[in-house]
Amino acid sequence: MGLKVKLVRSMSGHTEKHRETLRGMGLTRLGKERILQDSPSVRGMIKTVEYLIEWSEVKEEFKPFGRRQMKKQQLAAQAAKPAKA
């Protein structure tokens, strides 16, 4: 089970702490949505910036995001392929 979070108000004009919280959740642009793990830390982040987002509980699982995660997936895919002689 996860939490679907969508940024509905702009980050501009708000405190740096709140903007960092949104970036930590992967919400960098207006209208962007993410599925996050349902954990106490994520619930606390949501509570901090509740006035900027819309959120709901969904049955979908958390999907890792970001450049580091993409790089890990690429390296795992390359390692799984047999080396050509």
N, C-alpha and C. Protein backbone atom coordinates (compact mmCIF):
# COMPACT_ATOMS: atom_id res chain seq x y z
N MET A 1 0.84 -1.17 0.00
CA MET A 1 0.00 0.00 0.00
C MET A 1 0.89 1.23 0.00
N GLY A 2 0.47 2.25 -0.72
CA GLY A 2 1.26 3.46 -0.81
C GLY A 2 0.41 4.71 -0.67
N LEU A 3 1.08 5.82 -0.77
CA LEU A 3 0.42 7.12 -0.70
C LEU A 3 0.66 7.86 -2.01
N LYS A 4 -0.40 8.30 -2.66
CA LYS A 4 -0.28 9.06 -3.89
C LYS A 4 -0.29 10.53 -3.52
N VAL A 5 0.78 11.24 -3.89
CA VAL A 5 0.96 12.64 -3.51
C VAL A 5 1.11 13.47 -4.78
N LYS A 6 0.41 14.60 -4.84
CA LYS A 6 0.46 15.48 -6.01
C LYS A 6 0.67 16.92 -5.55
N LEU A 7 1.60 17.62 -6.19
CA LEU A 7 1.87 19.02 -5.88
C LEU A 7 0.83 19.88 -6.60
N VAL A 8 0.03 20.64 -5.84
CA VAL A 8 -1.04 21.43 -6.44
C VAL A 8 -0.82 22.94 -6.28
N ARG A 9 0.12 23.35 -5.43
CA ARG A 9 0.44 24.76 -5.29
C ARG A 9 1.93 24.95 -5.50
N SER A 10 2.32 26.09 -6.00
CA SER A 10 3.71 26.38 -6.31
C SER A 10 4.56 26.45 -5.04
N MET A 11 5.84 26.09 -5.20
CA MET A 11 6.78 26.15 -4.08
C MET A 11 7.28 27.57 -3.84
N SER A 12 7.19 28.43 -4.83
CA SER A 12 7.75 29.77 -4.69
C SER A 12 7.03 30.55 -3.60
N GLY A 13 7.79 31.30 -2.85
CA GLY A 13 7.23 32.11 -1.78
C GLY A 13 7.08 31.37 -0.46
N HIS A 14 7.51 30.12 -0.40
CA HIS A 14 7.40 29.34 0.82
C HIS A 14 8.79 29.09 1.39
N THR A 15 8.85 28.65 2.63
CA THR A 15 10.13 28.50 3.30
C THR A 15 11.00 27.44 2.62
N GLU A 16 12.31 27.61 2.77
CA GLU A 16 13.26 26.68 2.18
C GLU A 16 13.06 25.27 2.75
N LYS A 17 12.72 25.19 4.02
CA LYS A 17 12.49 23.89 4.65
C LYS A 17 11.34 23.15 3.98
N HIS A 18 10.28 23.86 3.64
CA HIS A 18 9.14 23.23 2.98
C HIS A 18 9.49 22.84 1.55
N ARG A 19 10.29 23.67 0.87
CA ARG A 19 10.71 23.33 -0.49
C ARG A 19 11.59 22.09 -0.48
N GLU A 20 12.48 21.98 0.51
CA GLU A 20 13.34 20.79 0.62
C GLU A 20 12.51 19.54 0.91
N THR A 21 11.48 19.69 1.71
CA THR A 21 10.59 18.57 2.01
C THR A 21 9.91 18.08 0.73
N LEU A 22 9.44 19.01 -0.09
CA LEU A 22 8.79 18.64 -1.36
C LEU A 22 9.78 17.95 -2.29
N ARG A 23 11.01 18.47 -2.36
CA ARG A 23 12.02 17.85 -3.21
C ARG A 23 12.35 16.44 -2.71
N GLY A 24 12.36 16.28 -1.39
CA GLY A 24 12.61 14.96 -0.81
C GLY A 24 11.55 13.95 -1.18
N MET A 25 10.34 14.41 -1.37
CA MET A 25 9.25 13.54 -1.80
C MET A 25 9.23 13.36 -3.31
N GLY A 26 10.10 14.06 -4.03
CA GLY A 26 10.16 13.93 -5.48
C GLY A 26 9.21 14.84 -6.21
N LEU A 27 8.66 15.83 -5.53
CA LEU A 27 7.72 16.77 -6.15
C LEU A 27 8.47 18.05 -6.51
N THR A 28 8.90 18.15 -7.75
CA THR A 28 9.73 19.28 -8.17
C THR A 28 8.97 20.27 -9.04
N ARG A 29 7.86 19.84 -9.64
CA ARG A 29 7.09 20.73 -10.51
C ARG A 29 5.62 20.65 -10.16
N LEU A 30 4.92 21.70 -10.47
CA LEU A 30 3.49 21.77 -10.23
C LEU A 30 2.78 20.68 -11.03
N GLY A 31 1.90 19.94 -10.40
CA GLY A 31 1.15 18.88 -11.07
C GLY A 31 1.82 17.52 -11.05
N LYS A 32 3.04 17.44 -10.53
CA LYS A 32 3.77 16.17 -10.49
C LYS A 32 3.19 15.26 -9.41
N GLU A 33 3.11 13.96 -9.72
CA GLU A 33 2.57 12.98 -8.79
C GLU A 33 3.62 11.92 -8.49
N ARG A 34 3.58 11.40 -7.28
CA ARG A 34 4.47 10.32 -6.86
C ARG A 34 3.70 9.34 -5.99
N ILE A 35 4.09 8.09 -6.06
CA ILE A 35 3.59 7.08 -5.14
C ILE A 35 4.71 6.85 -4.13
N LEU A 36 4.42 7.07 -2.85
CA LEU A 36 5.42 6.94 -1.80
C LEU A 36 5.03 5.83 -0.84
N GLN A 37 6.03 5.32 -0.12
CA GLN A 37 5.77 4.30 0.90
C GLN A 37 4.97 4.91 2.04
N ASP A 38 4.09 4.12 2.59
CA ASP A 38 3.31 4.57 3.74
C ASP A 38 4.13 4.30 4.99
N SER A 39 4.80 5.32 5.50
CA SER A 39 5.61 5.18 6.70
C SER A 39 5.43 6.43 7.56
N PRO A 40 5.78 6.35 8.84
CA PRO A 40 5.62 7.53 9.71
C PRO A 40 6.42 8.75 9.23
N SER A 41 7.60 8.52 8.66
CA SER A 41 8.40 9.65 8.19
C SER A 41 7.75 10.34 7.00
N VAL A 42 7.18 9.57 6.08
CA VAL A 42 6.50 10.16 4.93
C VAL A 42 5.22 10.87 5.38
N ARG A 43 4.52 10.27 6.33
CA ARG A 43 3.32 10.93 6.87
C ARG A 43 3.68 12.27 7.50
N GLY A 44 4.82 12.35 8.18
CA GLY A 44 5.28 13.60 8.78
C GLY A 44 5.61 14.64 7.72
N MET A 45 6.23 14.20 6.62
CA MET A 45 6.54 15.11 5.52
C MET A 45 5.25 15.66 4.92
N ILE A 46 4.27 14.78 4.75
CA ILE A 46 2.97 15.21 4.19
C ILE A 46 2.32 16.23 5.11
N LYS A 47 2.36 15.98 6.40
CA LYS A 47 1.74 16.89 7.36
C LYS A 47 2.41 18.27 7.32
N THR A 48 3.72 18.29 7.10
CA THR A 48 4.46 19.55 7.05
C THR A 48 4.02 20.43 5.89
N VAL A 49 3.79 19.84 4.72
CA VAL A 49 3.47 20.62 3.51
C VAL A 49 2.06 20.32 3.01
N GLU A 50 1.17 19.98 3.91
CA GLU A 50 -0.19 19.57 3.55
C GLU A 50 -0.93 20.64 2.76
N TYR A 51 -0.63 21.89 3.01
CA TYR A 51 -1.32 22.99 2.33
C TYR A 51 -0.87 23.17 0.88
N LEU A 52 0.20 22.47 0.47
CA LEU A 52 0.72 22.58 -0.90
C LEU A 52 0.37 21.36 -1.77
N ILE A 53 -0.12 20.31 -1.16
CA ILE A 53 -0.29 19.04 -1.88
C ILE A 53 -1.70 18.48 -1.70
N GLU A 54 -2.00 17.49 -2.54
CA GLU A 54 -3.16 16.63 -2.38
C GLU A 54 -2.61 15.22 -2.24
N TRP A 55 -3.19 14.43 -1.36
CA TRP A 55 -2.70 13.06 -1.20
C TRP A 55 -3.85 12.12 -0.88
N SER A 56 -3.63 10.85 -1.20
CA SER A 56 -4.62 9.82 -0.91
C SER A 56 -3.91 8.48 -0.78
N GLU A 57 -4.55 7.55 -0.09
CA GLU A 57 -4.01 6.20 0.03
C GLU A 57 -4.43 5.40 -1.19
N VAL A 58 -3.49 4.65 -1.74
CA VAL A 58 -3.77 3.81 -2.91
C VAL A 58 -3.21 2.41 -2.67
N LYS A 59 -3.66 1.46 -3.46
CA LYS A 59 -3.20 0.08 -3.32
C LYS A 59 -1.91 -0.17 -4.09
N GLU A 60 -1.49 0.79 -4.89
CA GLU A 60 -0.25 0.65 -5.66
C GLU A 60 0.96 0.64 -4.73
N GLU A 61 2.02 -0.04 -5.17
CA GLU A 61 3.25 -0.10 -4.40
C GLU A 61 4.14 1.08 -4.72
N PHE A 62 5.05 1.38 -3.80
CA PHE A 62 6.04 2.43 -3.97
C PHE A 62 6.92 2.12 -5.18
N LYS A 63 7.18 3.13 -6.00
CA LYS A 63 8.04 2.99 -7.17
C LYS A 63 9.25 3.90 -6.96
N PRO A 64 10.44 3.33 -6.79
CA PRO A 64 11.63 4.17 -6.60
C PRO A 64 11.82 5.12 -7.78
N PHE A 65 12.33 6.31 -7.51
CA PHE A 65 12.52 7.32 -8.53
C PHE A 65 13.85 8.02 -8.32
N GLY A 66 14.29 8.77 -9.31
CA GLY A 66 15.50 9.56 -9.19
C GLY A 66 16.63 9.00 -10.03
N ARG A 67 17.66 9.82 -10.21
CA ARG A 67 18.79 9.43 -11.05
C ARG A 67 19.57 8.26 -10.48
N ARG A 68 19.75 8.25 -9.17
CA ARG A 68 20.51 7.15 -8.56
C ARG A 68 19.80 5.83 -8.77
N GLN A 69 18.49 5.82 -8.60
CA GLN A 69 17.72 4.60 -8.78
C GLN A 69 17.78 4.13 -10.23
N MET A 70 17.68 5.06 -11.17
CA MET A 70 17.75 4.71 -12.59
C MET A 70 19.11 4.11 -12.92
N LYS A 71 20.17 4.68 -12.36
CA LYS A 71 21.52 4.18 -12.61
C LYS A 71 21.68 2.77 -12.04
N LYS A 72 21.12 2.52 -10.86
CA LYS A 72 21.18 1.19 -10.26
C LYS A 72 20.48 0.17 -11.16
N GLN A 73 19.33 0.55 -11.71
CA GLN A 73 18.59 -0.36 -12.58
C GLN A 73 19.37 -0.65 -13.86
N GLN A 74 20.02 0.38 -14.42
CA GLN A 74 20.81 0.18 -15.63
C GLN A 74 21.99 -0.75 -15.36
N LEU A 75 22.68 -0.55 -14.24
CA LEU A 75 23.82 -1.40 -13.91
C LEU A 75 23.39 -2.84 -13.66
N ALA A 76 22.24 -3.02 -13.02
CA ALA A 76 21.73 -4.36 -12.77
C ALA A 76 21.38 -5.05 -14.08
N ALA A 77 20.81 -4.31 -15.03
CA ALA A 77 20.44 -4.87 -16.33
C ALA A 77 21.69 -5.25 -17.12
N GLN A 78 22.73 -4.44 -17.04
CA GLN A 78 23.98 -4.75 -17.74
C GLN A 78 24.66 -5.99 -17.13
N ALA A 79 24.61 -6.11 -15.82
CA ALA A 79 25.22 -7.25 -15.15
C ALA A 79 24.47 -8.55 -15.47
N ALA A 80 23.18 -8.45 -15.70
CA ALA A 80 22.37 -9.63 -15.99
C ALA A 80 22.59 -10.15 -17.41
N LYS A 81 23.02 -9.28 -18.31
CA LYS A 81 23.27 -9.70 -19.69
C LYS A 81 24.58 -10.49 -19.75
N PRO A 82 24.61 -11.57 -20.53
CA PRO A 82 25.87 -12.32 -20.68
C PRO A 82 26.85 -11.50 -21.52
N ALA A 83 28.11 -11.55 -21.13
CA ALA A 83 29.16 -10.79 -21.84
C ALA A 83 29.44 -11.46 -23.18
N LYS A 84 29.62 -10.64 -24.23
CA LYS A 84 29.94 -11.16 -25.56
C LYS A 84 31.44 -11.42 -25.64
N ALA A 85 31.79 -12.52 -26.31
CA ALA A 85 33.21 -12.88 -26.43
C ALA A 85 33.84 -12.25 -27.63
